[in-house]
């Protein structure tokens, strides 16, 4: 495993982070809890030392699975969870960053995760339901930090103006943006945050699985599947364009005698402005396959070939 300093902190974080949206079990097809726990253990055994979750992943179920998986192994791992987004029966993702909500979600997360502190608390999305001022949200987070319940603060899905504004009210040390070969929309922002000393932890690093090469025909997902509702990779015309890119990745993977997924995780993690890449895993096989990708690296020429193919097809 490769490691990088996490922004301005003293954390030395693995280039791969366990992503856990799918293991929450909502809108991601069939998920087996025991397989998920074993996959997390396999990632840790291969040197991964950060795990990312959120209370909004199926009413806290993802956090509860993580908490169970980390029994006896808490000190091996940096835990990232989020605040400001939760579910209820009427609305799947409520964006609410009011002070009382931040306090409530933190207590629920600590209970779900079976821990007494969280290494990184990330504001999941800007508050569009209540339009809570950043000052109020940060007042709550700074209070939790002073109490020792969280160590660091980050943001996700924020733009540059929002990051500059919220940093007026406290130390925000990380951004969690979407980033992969099939979504480079945040690249300029990531270069800016990197230049300003912030860590970048990418989500959707394998394009919700499309960059593993396992899906080669337009899938028949349920209409409420997150791979259809949140991402645009599994719909035309983008799906066919990604399939063209996969042909290029196939050749590079063949040259290294590795699965396509390892090409994708290497491309992501080898970008200098990427600190760690979130990758979801459902079973031990996927976990081990992704981790083995760090036993080798793409050449500069191969990185350029991929970048040119992305520019051509996407």
C-alpha atoms as a PDB file:
ATOM      1  CA  UNK A   1       0.000   0.000   0.000  1.00  0.00           C
ATOM      2  CA  UNK A   2       1.087   3.564  -0.682  1.00  0.00           C
ATOM      3  CA  UNK A   3       0.521   6.398   1.801  1.00  0.00           C
ATOM      4  CA  UNK A   4       0.260  10.181   1.638  1.00  0.00           C
ATOM      5  CA  UNK A   5       0.160  12.937   4.233  1.00  0.00           C
ATOM      6  CA  UNK A   6      -3.450  14.008   4.707  1.00  0.00           C
ATOM      7  CA  UNK A   7      -3.288  17.722   4.019  1.00  0.00           C
ATOM      8  CA  UNK A   8      -1.836  19.698   6.933  1.00  0.00           C
ATOM      9  CA  UNK A   9      -2.640  17.002   9.514  1.00  0.00           C
ATOM     10  CA  UNK A  10      -0.319  14.460  11.101  1.00  0.00           C
ATOM     11  CA  UNK A  11      -2.297  11.619   9.488  1.00  0.00           C
ATOM     12  CA  UNK A  12      -0.458   9.403   7.020  1.00  0.00           C
ATOM     13  CA  UNK A  13      -3.323   7.931   5.027  1.00  0.00           C
ATOM     14  CA  UNK A  14      -3.442   5.005   2.612  1.00  0.00           C
ATOM     15  CA  UNK A  15      -3.933   5.877  -1.041  1.00  0.00           C
ATOM     16  CA  UNK A  16      -7.072   3.730  -0.930  1.00  0.00           C
ATOM     17  CA  UNK A  17     -10.000   4.370   1.414  1.00  0.00           C
ATOM     18  CA  UNK A  18     -12.851   1.949   2.044  1.00  0.00           C
ATOM     19  CA  UNK A  19     -16.019   3.514   0.612  1.00  0.00           C
ATOM     20  CA  UNK A  20     -19.222   2.245   2.221  1.00  0.00           C
ATOM     21  CA  UNK A  21     -22.213   3.784   0.458  1.00  0.00           C
ATOM     22  CA  UNK A  22     -23.138   0.498  -1.193  1.00  0.00           C
ATOM     23  CA  UNK A  23     -22.800  -1.649   1.923  1.00  0.00           C
ATOM     24  CA  UNK A  24     -25.545   0.390   3.560  1.00  0.00           C
ATOM     25  CA  UNK A  25     -27.813  -1.677   1.343  1.00  0.00           C
ATOM     26  CA  UNK A  26     -30.206   0.964  -0.004  1.00  0.00           C
ATOM     27  CA  UNK A  27     -30.556   1.446  -3.769  1.00  0.00           C
ATOM     28  CA  UNK A  28     -27.409  -0.533  -4.599  1.00  0.00           C
ATOM     29  CA  UNK A  29     -28.750  -3.950  -5.480  1.00  0.00           C
ATOM     30  CA  UNK A  30     -28.135  -6.997  -3.328  1.00  0.00           C
ATOM     31  CA  UNK A  31     -25.678  -6.551  -0.451  1.00  0.00           C
ATOM     32  CA  UNK A  32     -24.585  -9.183   2.068  1.00  0.00           C
ATOM     33  CA  UNK A  33     -23.629  -7.815   5.491  1.00  0.00           C
ATOM     34  CA  UNK A  34     -21.153 -10.565   6.374  1.00  0.00           C
ATOM     35  CA  UNK A  35     -19.456 -10.272   2.987  1.00  0.00           C
ATOM     36  CA  UNK A  36     -19.158  -6.522   3.568  1.00  0.00           C
ATOM     37  CA  UNK A  37     -17.526  -7.002   6.965  1.00  0.00           C
ATOM     38  CA  UNK A  38     -15.072  -9.537   5.557  1.00  0.00           C
ATOM     39  CA  UNK A  39     -14.261  -7.141   2.705  1.00  0.00           C
ATOM     40  CA  UNK A  40     -13.475  -4.369   5.193  1.00  0.00           C
ATOM     41  CA  UNK A  41     -11.210  -6.735   7.136  1.00  0.00           C
ATOM     42  CA  UNK A  42      -9.408  -7.690   3.920  1.00  0.00           C
ATOM     43  CA  UNK A  43      -8.797  -4.017   3.099  1.00  0.00           C
ATOM     44  CA  UNK A  44      -7.325  -3.415   6.551  1.00  0.00           C
ATOM     45  CA  UNK A  45      -5.166  -6.532   6.263  1.00  0.00           C
ATOM     46  CA  UNK A  46      -3.697  -5.081   3.048  1.00  0.00           C
ATOM     47  CA  UNK A  47      -2.733  -1.795   4.720  1.00  0.00           C
ATOM     48  CA  UNK A  48      -5.783   0.397   4.096  1.00  0.00           C
ATOM     49  CA  UNK A  49      -6.123   2.687   7.120  1.00  0.00           C
ATOM     50  CA  UNK A  50      -9.078   4.960   6.318  1.00  0.00           C
ATOM     51  CA  UNK A  51     -12.771   4.141   6.041  1.00  0.00           C
ATOM     52  CA  UNK A  52     -15.508   6.518   4.924  1.00  0.00           C
ATOM     53  CA  UNK A  53     -19.181   6.292   5.819  1.00  0.00           C
ATOM     54  CA  UNK A  54     -22.196   8.506   6.530  1.00  0.00           C
ATOM     55  CA  UNK A  55     -25.458   8.540   8.495  1.00  0.00           C
ATOM     56  CA  UNK A  56     -27.275   9.187   5.211  1.00  0.00           C
ATOM     57  CA  UNK A  57     -26.320   5.767   3.878  1.00  0.00           C
ATOM     58  CA  UNK A  58     -29.575   3.933   4.616  1.00  0.00           C
ATOM     59  CA  UNK A  59     -30.596   5.367   7.998  1.00  0.00           C
ATOM     60  CA  UNK A  60     -27.146   4.766   9.522  1.00  0.00           C
ATOM     61  CA  UNK A  61     -26.918   1.124   8.446  1.00  0.00           C
ATOM     62  CA  UNK A  62     -23.580   1.674   6.731  1.00  0.00           C
ATOM     63  CA  UNK A  63     -22.167   3.162   9.950  1.00  0.00           C
ATOM     64  CA  UNK A  64     -23.478   0.220  11.960  1.00  0.00           C
ATOM     65  CA  UNK A  65     -21.809  -2.269   9.613  1.00  0.00           C
ATOM     66  CA  UNK A  66     -18.548  -0.327   9.906  1.00  0.00           C
ATOM     67  CA  UNK A  67     -18.854  -0.243  13.690  1.00  0.00           C
ATOM     68  CA  UNK A  68     -19.289  -4.003  13.788  1.00  0.00           C
ATOM     69  CA  UNK A  69     -16.393  -4.547  11.382  1.00  0.00           C
ATOM     70  CA  UNK A  70     -14.025  -2.385  13.456  1.00  0.00           C
ATOM     71  CA  UNK A  71     -14.552  -4.148  16.791  1.00  0.00           C
ATOM     72  CA  UNK A  72     -11.058  -4.696  18.183  1.00  0.00           C
ATOM     73  CA  UNK A  73      -9.470  -2.824  15.251  1.00  0.00           C
ATOM     74  CA  UNK A  74     -10.521   0.787  15.875  1.00  0.00           C
ATOM     75  CA  UNK A  75      -6.978   2.053  16.480  1.00  0.00           C
ATOM     76  CA  UNK A  76      -5.832   0.738  13.078  1.00  0.00           C
ATOM     77  CA  UNK A  77      -8.175   3.019  11.179  1.00  0.00           C
ATOM     78  CA  UNK A  78      -8.974   6.663  10.582  1.00  0.00           C
ATOM     79  CA  UNK A  79     -12.767   6.950  10.521  1.00  0.00           C
ATOM     80  CA  UNK A  80     -14.453   9.507   8.299  1.00  0.00           C
ATOM     81  CA  UNK A  81     -18.164  10.045   8.602  1.00  0.00           C
ATOM     82  CA  UNK A  82     -20.425  12.896   7.622  1.00  0.00           C
ATOM     83  CA  UNK A  83     -23.018  15.299   8.902  1.00  0.00           C
ATOM     84  CA  UNK A  84     -25.789  17.456   7.502  1.00  0.00           C
ATOM     85  CA  UNK A  85     -27.580  14.697   5.567  1.00  0.00           C
ATOM     86  CA  UNK A  86     -29.980  12.131   6.950  1.00  0.00           C
ATOM     87  CA  UNK A  87     -32.952  10.045   5.816  1.00  0.00           C
ATOM     88  CA  UNK A  88     -36.578   9.863   6.809  1.00  0.00           C
ATOM     89  CA  UNK A  89     -39.501   7.889   5.419  1.00  0.00           C
ATOM     90  CA  UNK A  90     -40.700  10.768   3.250  1.00  0.00           C
ATOM     91  CA  UNK A  91     -37.400  12.005   1.819  1.00  0.00           C
ATOM     92  CA  UNK A  92     -34.270   9.894   1.288  1.00  0.00           C
ATOM     93  CA  UNK A  93     -31.647  12.648   1.668  1.00  0.00           C
ATOM     94  CA  UNK A  94     -32.502  15.666   3.817  1.00  0.00           C
ATOM     95  CA  UNK A  95     -29.779  18.337   3.753  1.00  0.00           C
ATOM     96  CA  UNK A  96     -29.856  19.999   7.159  1.00  0.00           C
ATOM     97  CA  UNK A  97     -26.789  21.626   8.748  1.00  0.00           C
ATOM     98  CA  UNK A  98     -28.449  23.339  11.688  1.00  0.00           C
ATOM     99  CA  UNK A  99     -26.519  23.261  14.953  1.00  0.00           C
ATOM    100  CA  UNK A 100     -28.920  20.898  16.704  1.00  0.00           C
ATOM    101  CA  UNK A 101     -28.850  18.510  13.734  1.00  0.00           C
ATOM    102  CA  UNK A 102     -25.037  18.435  13.690  1.00  0.00           C
ATOM    103  CA  UNK A 103     -24.986  17.592  17.406  1.00  0.00           C
ATOM    104  CA  UNK A 104     -27.674  14.917  17.030  1.00  0.00           C
ATOM    105  CA  UNK A 105     -26.063  13.229  14.043  1.00  0.00           C
ATOM    106  CA  UNK A 106     -22.667  13.173  15.740  1.00  0.00           C
ATOM    107  CA  UNK A 107     -24.068  11.369  18.780  1.00  0.00           C
ATOM    108  CA  UNK A 108     -25.885   8.874  16.555  1.00  0.00           C
ATOM    109  CA  UNK A 109     -22.728   8.291  14.500  1.00  0.00           C
ATOM    110  CA  UNK A 110     -20.592   7.679  17.592  1.00  0.00           C
ATOM    111  CA  UNK A 111     -23.135   5.100  18.767  1.00  0.00           C
ATOM    112  CA  UNK A 112     -23.426   3.439  15.340  1.00  0.00           C
ATOM    113  CA  UNK A 113     -19.646   3.293  14.912  1.00  0.00           C
ATOM    114  CA  UNK A 114     -19.075   2.081  18.484  1.00  0.00           C
ATOM    115  CA  UNK A 115     -16.367   4.667  19.068  1.00  0.00           C
ATOM    116  CA  UNK A 116     -15.882   7.740  21.230  1.00  0.00           C
ATOM    117  CA  UNK A 117     -14.268   9.922  18.559  1.00  0.00           C
ATOM    118  CA  UNK A 118     -14.326  10.485  14.797  1.00  0.00           C
ATOM    119  CA  UNK A 119     -11.124  11.380  12.957  1.00  0.00           C
ATOM    120  CA  UNK A 120     -12.753  13.427  10.189  1.00  0.00           C
ATOM    121  CA  UNK A 121     -16.278  14.826  10.177  1.00  0.00           C
ATOM    122  CA  UNK A 122     -17.312  15.909   6.679  1.00  0.00           C
ATOM    123  CA  UNK A 123     -20.240  18.194   5.853  1.00  0.00           C
ATOM    124  CA  UNK A 124     -21.935  15.924   3.319  1.00  0.00           C
ATOM    125  CA  UNK A 125     -23.662  18.602   1.196  1.00  0.00           C
ATOM    126  CA  UNK A 126     -24.362  22.315   1.498  1.00  0.00           C
ATOM    127  CA  UNK A 127     -27.645  22.835   3.363  1.00  0.00           C
ATOM    128  CA  UNK A 128     -30.408  23.489   0.806  1.00  0.00           C
ATOM    129  CA  UNK A 129     -33.344  22.487   3.013  1.00  0.00           C
ATOM    130  CA  UNK A 130     -32.788  25.094   5.751  1.00  0.00           C
ATOM    131  CA  UNK A 131     -30.065  27.343   4.253  1.00  0.00           C
ATOM    132  CA  UNK A 132     -28.204  27.263   7.540  1.00  0.00           C
ATOM    133  CA  UNK A 133     -25.369  29.840   7.669  1.00  0.00           C
ATOM    134  CA  UNK A 134     -21.900  28.293   7.555  1.00  0.00           C
ATOM    135  CA  UNK A 135     -21.072  30.146  10.764  1.00  0.00           C
ATOM    136  CA  UNK A 136     -23.738  28.197  12.677  1.00  0.00           C
ATOM    137  CA  UNK A 137     -22.656  24.826  11.264  1.00  0.00           C
ATOM    138  CA  UNK A 138     -19.012  25.494  12.023  1.00  0.00           C
ATOM    139  CA  UNK A 139     -19.853  26.681  15.526  1.00  0.00           C
ATOM    140  CA  UNK A 140     -21.316  23.231  16.172  1.00  0.00           C
ATOM    141  CA  UNK A 141     -18.399  21.402  14.579  1.00  0.00           C
ATOM    142  CA  UNK A 142     -15.810  23.492  16.407  1.00  0.00           C
ATOM    143  CA  UNK A 143     -17.624  22.702  19.656  1.00  0.00           C
ATOM    144  CA  UNK A 144     -17.510  18.967  18.892  1.00  0.00           C
ATOM    145  CA  UNK A 145     -13.819  19.328  18.072  1.00  0.00           C
ATOM    146  CA  UNK A 146     -13.113  21.086  21.383  1.00  0.00           C
ATOM    147  CA  UNK A 147     -14.968  18.295  23.183  1.00  0.00           C
ATOM    148  CA  UNK A 148     -12.738  15.669  21.547  1.00  0.00           C
ATOM    149  CA  UNK A 149     -15.605  14.001  19.695  1.00  0.00           C
ATOM    150  CA  UNK A 150     -14.141  14.858  16.290  1.00  0.00           C
ATOM    151  CA  UNK A 151     -10.531  15.566  15.344  1.00  0.00           C
ATOM    152  CA  UNK A 152     -10.824  17.323  11.982  1.00  0.00           C
ATOM    153  CA  UNK A 153     -13.433  18.936   9.727  1.00  0.00           C
ATOM    154  CA  UNK A 154     -13.954  18.491   5.989  1.00  0.00           C
ATOM    155  CA  UNK A 155     -16.527  19.251   3.292  1.00  0.00           C
ATOM    156  CA  UNK A 156     -17.994  17.355   0.363  1.00  0.00           C
ATOM    157  CA  UNK A 157     -19.722  18.632  -2.776  1.00  0.00           C
ATOM    158  CA  UNK A 158     -18.718  22.254  -2.034  1.00  0.00           C
ATOM    159  CA  UNK A 159     -17.498  24.707  -4.686  1.00  0.00           C
ATOM    160  CA  UNK A 160     -14.550  27.075  -4.249  1.00  0.00           C
ATOM    161  CA  UNK A 161     -16.613  30.048  -3.094  1.00  0.00           C
ATOM    162  CA  UNK A 162     -18.318  27.894  -0.469  1.00  0.00           C
ATOM    163  CA  UNK A 163     -14.997  26.511   0.756  1.00  0.00           C
ATOM    164  CA  UNK A 164     -13.482  29.973   1.043  1.00  0.00           C
ATOM    165  CA  UNK A 165     -16.541  31.180   2.949  1.00  0.00           C
ATOM    166  CA  UNK A 166     -16.736  28.291   5.413  1.00  0.00           C
ATOM    167  CA  UNK A 167     -13.004  28.422   6.171  1.00  0.00           C
ATOM    168  CA  UNK A 168     -13.588  31.874   7.652  1.00  0.00           C
ATOM    169  CA  UNK A 169     -15.184  30.127  10.615  1.00  0.00           C
ATOM    170  CA  UNK A 170     -12.715  27.329  11.325  1.00  0.00           C
ATOM    171  CA  UNK A 171     -10.069  24.945  10.045  1.00  0.00           C
ATOM    172  CA  UNK A 172     -11.475  22.869   7.161  1.00  0.00           C
ATOM    173  CA  UNK A 173      -8.729  20.488   6.072  1.00  0.00           C
ATOM    174  CA  UNK A 174     -10.249  18.209   3.427  1.00  0.00           C
ATOM    175  CA  UNK A 175     -12.525  18.095   0.389  1.00  0.00           C
ATOM    176  CA  UNK A 176     -14.378  14.989  -0.726  1.00  0.00           C
ATOM    177  CA  UNK A 177     -15.307  15.498  -4.395  1.00  0.00           C
ATOM    178  CA  UNK A 178     -16.466  13.121  -7.134  1.00  0.00           C
ATOM    179  CA  UNK A 179     -13.500  12.228  -9.314  1.00  0.00           C
ATOM    180  CA  UNK A 180     -12.648   9.459 -11.740  1.00  0.00           C
ATOM    181  CA  UNK A 181     -11.800   8.898 -15.384  1.00  0.00           C
ATOM    182  CA  UNK A 182     -15.505   9.301 -16.188  1.00  0.00           C
ATOM    183  CA  UNK A 183     -15.999  12.431 -14.080  1.00  0.00           C
ATOM    184  CA  UNK A 184     -13.266  15.078 -14.092  1.00  0.00           C
ATOM    185  CA  UNK A 185     -15.641  17.974 -13.447  1.00  0.00           C
ATOM    186  CA  UNK A 186     -13.937  18.861 -10.139  1.00  0.00           C
ATOM    187  CA  UNK A 187     -10.326  18.669 -11.296  1.00  0.00           C
ATOM    188  CA  UNK A 188      -9.658  22.420 -11.282  1.00  0.00           C
ATOM    189  CA  UNK A 189     -11.150  22.709  -7.798  1.00  0.00           C
ATOM    190  CA  UNK A 190      -9.027  19.810  -6.546  1.00  0.00           C
ATOM    191  CA  UNK A 191      -5.884  21.415  -7.884  1.00  0.00           C
ATOM    192  CA  UNK A 192      -6.842  24.611  -6.025  1.00  0.00           C
ATOM    193  CA  UNK A 193      -7.543  22.808  -2.723  1.00  0.00           C
ATOM    194  CA  UNK A 194      -4.294  20.847  -3.046  1.00  0.00           C
ATOM    195  CA  UNK A 195      -2.368  24.073  -3.637  1.00  0.00           C
ATOM    196  CA  UNK A 196      -4.013  25.484  -0.502  1.00  0.00           C
ATOM    197  CA  UNK A 197      -2.920  22.618   1.735  1.00  0.00           C
ATOM    198  CA  UNK A 198      -6.178  20.654   1.792  1.00  0.00           C
ATOM    199  CA  UNK A 199      -6.465  16.893   1.343  1.00  0.00           C
ATOM    200  CA  UNK A 200      -8.590  15.537  -1.507  1.00  0.00           C
ATOM    201  CA  UNK A 201     -10.424  12.251  -0.969  1.00  0.00           C
ATOM    202  CA  UNK A 202     -12.247  11.245  -4.133  1.00  0.00           C
ATOM    203  CA  UNK A 203     -15.550   9.410  -4.217  1.00  0.00           C
ATOM    204  CA  UNK A 204     -16.910   7.478  -7.186  1.00  0.00           C
ATOM    205  CA  UNK A 205     -13.274   6.638  -7.921  1.00  0.00           C
ATOM    206  CA  UNK A 206     -14.269   3.565  -9.951  1.00  0.00           C
ATOM    207  CA  UNK A 207     -17.233   5.286 -11.572  1.00  0.00           C
ATOM    208  CA  UNK A 208     -19.754   3.348  -9.451  1.00  0.00           C
ATOM    209  CA  UNK A 209     -18.178   0.156 -10.785  1.00  0.00           C
ATOM    210  CA  UNK A 210     -18.187   0.932 -14.491  1.00  0.00           C
ATOM    211  CA  UNK A 211     -14.385   1.297 -14.498  1.00  0.00           C
ATOM    212  CA  UNK A 212     -13.883  -2.233 -13.167  1.00  0.00           C
ATOM    213  CA  UNK A 213     -14.659  -3.575 -16.629  1.00  0.00           C
ATOM    214  CA  UNK A 214     -17.222  -5.973 -15.180  1.00  0.00           C
ATOM    215  CA  UNK A 215     -20.123  -4.311 -17.020  1.00  0.00           C
ATOM    216  CA  UNK A 216     -19.877  -4.331 -20.808  1.00  0.00           C
ATOM    217  CA  UNK A 217     -23.550  -4.156 -21.792  1.00  0.00           C
ATOM    218  CA  UNK A 218     -26.099  -1.544 -20.764  1.00  0.00           C
ATOM    219  CA  UNK A 219     -27.370  -2.882 -17.423  1.00  0.00           C
ATOM    220  CA  UNK A 220     -30.995  -3.301 -16.434  1.00  0.00           C
ATOM    221  CA  UNK A 221     -30.822  -1.689 -13.002  1.00  0.00           C
ATOM    222  CA  UNK A 222     -33.898  -0.950 -10.918  1.00  0.00           C
ATOM    223  CA  UNK A 223     -35.141   2.607 -11.671  1.00  0.00           C
ATOM    224  CA  UNK A 224     -34.280   3.687  -8.095  1.00  0.00           C
ATOM    225  CA  UNK A 225     -30.753   2.230  -8.178  1.00  0.00           C
ATOM    226  CA  UNK A 226     -28.199   4.886  -7.204  1.00  0.00           C
ATOM    227  CA  UNK A 227     -26.078   3.984 -10.216  1.00  0.00           C
ATOM    228  CA  UNK A 228     -28.878   5.426 -12.344  1.00  0.00           C
ATOM    229  CA  UNK A 229     -30.209   8.213 -10.133  1.00  0.00           C
ATOM    230  CA  UNK A 230     -26.889   9.673  -8.958  1.00  0.00           C
ATOM    231  CA  UNK A 231     -24.529   8.901 -11.860  1.00  0.00           C
ATOM    232  CA  UNK A 232     -24.852   9.305 -15.631  1.00  0.00           C
ATOM    233  CA  UNK A 233     -22.408   6.580 -16.694  1.00  0.00           C
ATOM    234  CA  UNK A 234     -25.019   3.850 -17.089  1.00  0.00           C
ATOM    235  CA  UNK A 235     -27.195   5.723 -19.578  1.00  0.00           C
ATOM    236  CA  UNK A 236     -26.654   6.526 -23.223  1.00  0.00           C
ATOM    237  CA  UNK A 237     -24.855   8.214 -24.816  1.00  0.00           C
ATOM    238  CA  UNK A 238     -22.231   8.202 -22.059  1.00  0.00           C
ATOM    239  CA  UNK A 239     -22.308   4.442 -21.541  1.00  0.00           C
ATOM    240  CA  UNK A 240     -21.097   3.729 -25.085  1.00  0.00           C
ATOM    241  CA  UNK A 241     -18.381   6.370 -24.760  1.00  0.00           C
ATOM    242  CA  UNK A 242     -17.128   4.742 -21.570  1.00  0.00           C
ATOM    243  CA  UNK A 243     -17.048   1.388 -23.359  1.00  0.00           C
ATOM    244  CA  UNK A 244     -14.654   2.941 -25.893  1.00  0.00           C
ATOM    245  CA  UNK A 245     -12.427   4.126 -23.062  1.00  0.00           C
ATOM    246  CA  UNK A 246     -12.480   0.634 -21.544  1.00  0.00           C
ATOM    247  CA  UNK A 247     -10.938  -0.761 -24.730  1.00  0.00           C
ATOM    248  CA  UNK A 248      -7.906   1.457 -24.104  1.00  0.00           C
ATOM    249  CA  UNK A 249      -7.770   0.388 -20.460  1.00  0.00           C
ATOM    250  CA  UNK A 250      -8.026  -3.261 -21.532  1.00  0.00           C
ATOM    251  CA  UNK A 251      -4.784  -2.967 -23.487  1.00  0.00           C
ATOM    252  CA  UNK A 252      -2.935  -1.337 -20.608  1.00  0.00           C
ATOM    253  CA  UNK A 253      -4.285  -3.912 -18.150  1.00  0.00           C
ATOM    254  CA  UNK A 254      -3.214  -6.716 -20.493  1.00  0.00           C
ATOM    255  CA  UNK A 255       0.314  -5.327 -20.568  1.00  0.00           C
ATOM    256  CA  UNK A 256       0.537  -5.476 -16.775  1.00  0.00           C
ATOM    257  CA  UNK A 257      -1.373  -8.778 -16.470  1.00  0.00           C
ATOM    258  CA  UNK A 258      -3.904  -7.165 -14.137  1.00  0.00           C
ATOM    259  CA  UNK A 259      -7.677  -6.487 -14.045  1.00  0.00           C
ATOM    260  CA  UNK A 260      -8.945  -3.201 -15.467  1.00  0.00           C
ATOM    261  CA  UNK A 261      -9.984  -1.985 -11.996  1.00  0.00           C
ATOM    262  CA  UNK A 262      -6.327  -1.779 -10.978  1.00  0.00           C
ATOM    263  CA  UNK A 263      -5.597   0.523 -13.904  1.00  0.00           C
ATOM    264  CA  UNK A 264      -8.419   2.797 -12.772  1.00  0.00           C
ATOM    265  CA  UNK A 265      -7.355   2.999  -9.111  1.00  0.00           C
ATOM    266  CA  UNK A 266      -3.750   3.652 -10.108  1.00  0.00           C
ATOM    267  CA  UNK A 267      -4.715   6.426 -12.522  1.00  0.00           C
ATOM    268  CA  UNK A 268      -6.757   8.079  -9.789  1.00  0.00           C
ATOM    269  CA  UNK A 269      -4.239   7.744  -6.976  1.00  0.00           C
ATOM    270  CA  UNK A 270      -1.251   8.750  -9.108  1.00  0.00           C
ATOM    271  CA  UNK A 271      -2.695  12.224  -9.673  1.00  0.00           C
ATOM    272  CA  UNK A 272      -0.613  14.454  -7.399  1.00  0.00           C
ATOM    273  CA  UNK A 273      -3.675  16.354  -6.170  1.00  0.00           C
ATOM    274  CA  UNK A 274      -5.467  13.161  -5.038  1.00  0.00           C
ATOM    275  CA  UNK A 275      -4.681  12.189  -1.440  1.00  0.00           C
ATOM    276  CA  UNK A 276      -6.821   9.056  -1.186  1.00  0.00           C
ATOM    277  CA  UNK A 277      -9.406   7.366  -3.389  1.00  0.00           C
ATOM    278  CA  UNK A 278     -12.630   5.935  -2.008  1.00  0.00           C
ATOM    279  CA  UNK A 279     -13.491   2.548  -3.469  1.00  0.00           C
ATOM    280  CA  UNK A 280     -16.528   0.540  -2.477  1.00  0.00           C
ATOM    281  CA  UNK A 281     -16.123  -3.201  -1.994  1.00  0.00           C
ATOM    282  CA  UNK A 282     -18.806  -5.869  -1.518  1.00  0.00           C
ATOM    283  CA  UNK A 283     -16.634  -8.941  -0.937  1.00  0.00           C
ATOM    284  CA  UNK A 284     -13.099 -10.126  -0.193  1.00  0.00           C
ATOM    285  CA  UNK A 285     -12.283 -10.740  -3.858  1.00  0.00           C
ATOM    286  CA  UNK A 286     -12.997  -7.121  -4.810  1.00  0.00           C
ATOM    287  CA  UNK A 287     -11.066  -5.855  -1.787  1.00  0.00           C
ATOM    288  CA  UNK A 288      -7.960  -7.897  -2.574  1.00  0.00           C
ATOM    289  CA  UNK A 289      -8.109  -7.047  -6.270  1.00  0.00           C
ATOM    290  CA  UNK A 290      -8.172  -3.310  -5.582  1.00  0.00           C
ATOM    291  CA  UNK A 291      -5.390  -3.477  -2.997  1.00  0.00           C
ATOM    292  CA  UNK A 292      -3.109  -5.505  -5.281  1.00  0.00           C
ATOM    293  CA  UNK A 293      -3.248  -2.579  -7.676  1.00  0.00           C
ATOM    294  CA  UNK A 294      -0.753  -0.760  -5.458  1.00  0.00           C
ATOM    295  CA  UNK A 295       1.961  -3.310  -6.077  1.00  0.00           C
ATOM    296  CA  UNK A 296       2.644  -1.622  -9.412  1.00  0.00           C
ATOM    297  CA  UNK A 297       2.254   1.816 -11.050  1.00  0.00           C
ATOM    298  CA  UNK A 298       1.277   3.246 -14.402  1.00  0.00           C
ATOM    299  CA  UNK A 299       4.100   4.792 -16.403  1.00  0.00           C
ATOM    300  CA  UNK A 300       3.984   8.448 -17.336  1.00  0.00           C
ATOM    301  CA  UNK A 301       3.353   7.399 -20.944  1.00  0.00           C
ATOM    302  CA  UNK A 302       0.415   5.220 -19.897  1.00  0.00           C
ATOM    303  CA  UNK A 303      -1.057   8.061 -17.842  1.00  0.00           C
ATOM    304  CA  UNK A 304      -0.839  10.294 -20.913  1.00  0.00           C
ATOM    305  CA  UNK A 305      -2.446   7.656 -23.152  1.00  0.00           C
ATOM    306  CA  UNK A 306      -5.369   7.368 -20.733  1.00  0.00           C
ATOM    307  CA  UNK A 307      -5.755  11.143 -20.432  1.00  0.00           C
ATOM    308  CA  UNK A 308      -5.859  11.471 -24.233  1.00  0.00           C
ATOM    309  CA  UNK A 309      -8.452   8.699 -24.492  1.00  0.00           C
ATOM    310  CA  UNK A 310     -10.605  10.399 -21.861  1.00  0.00           C
ATOM    311  CA  UNK A 311     -10.398  13.668 -23.783  1.00  0.00           C
ATOM    312  CA  UNK A 312     -11.350  11.889 -27.018  1.00  0.00           C
ATOM    313  CA  UNK A 313     -14.245   9.773 -25.798  1.00  0.00           C
ATOM    314  CA  UNK A 314     -15.696  11.717 -22.889  1.00  0.00           C
END
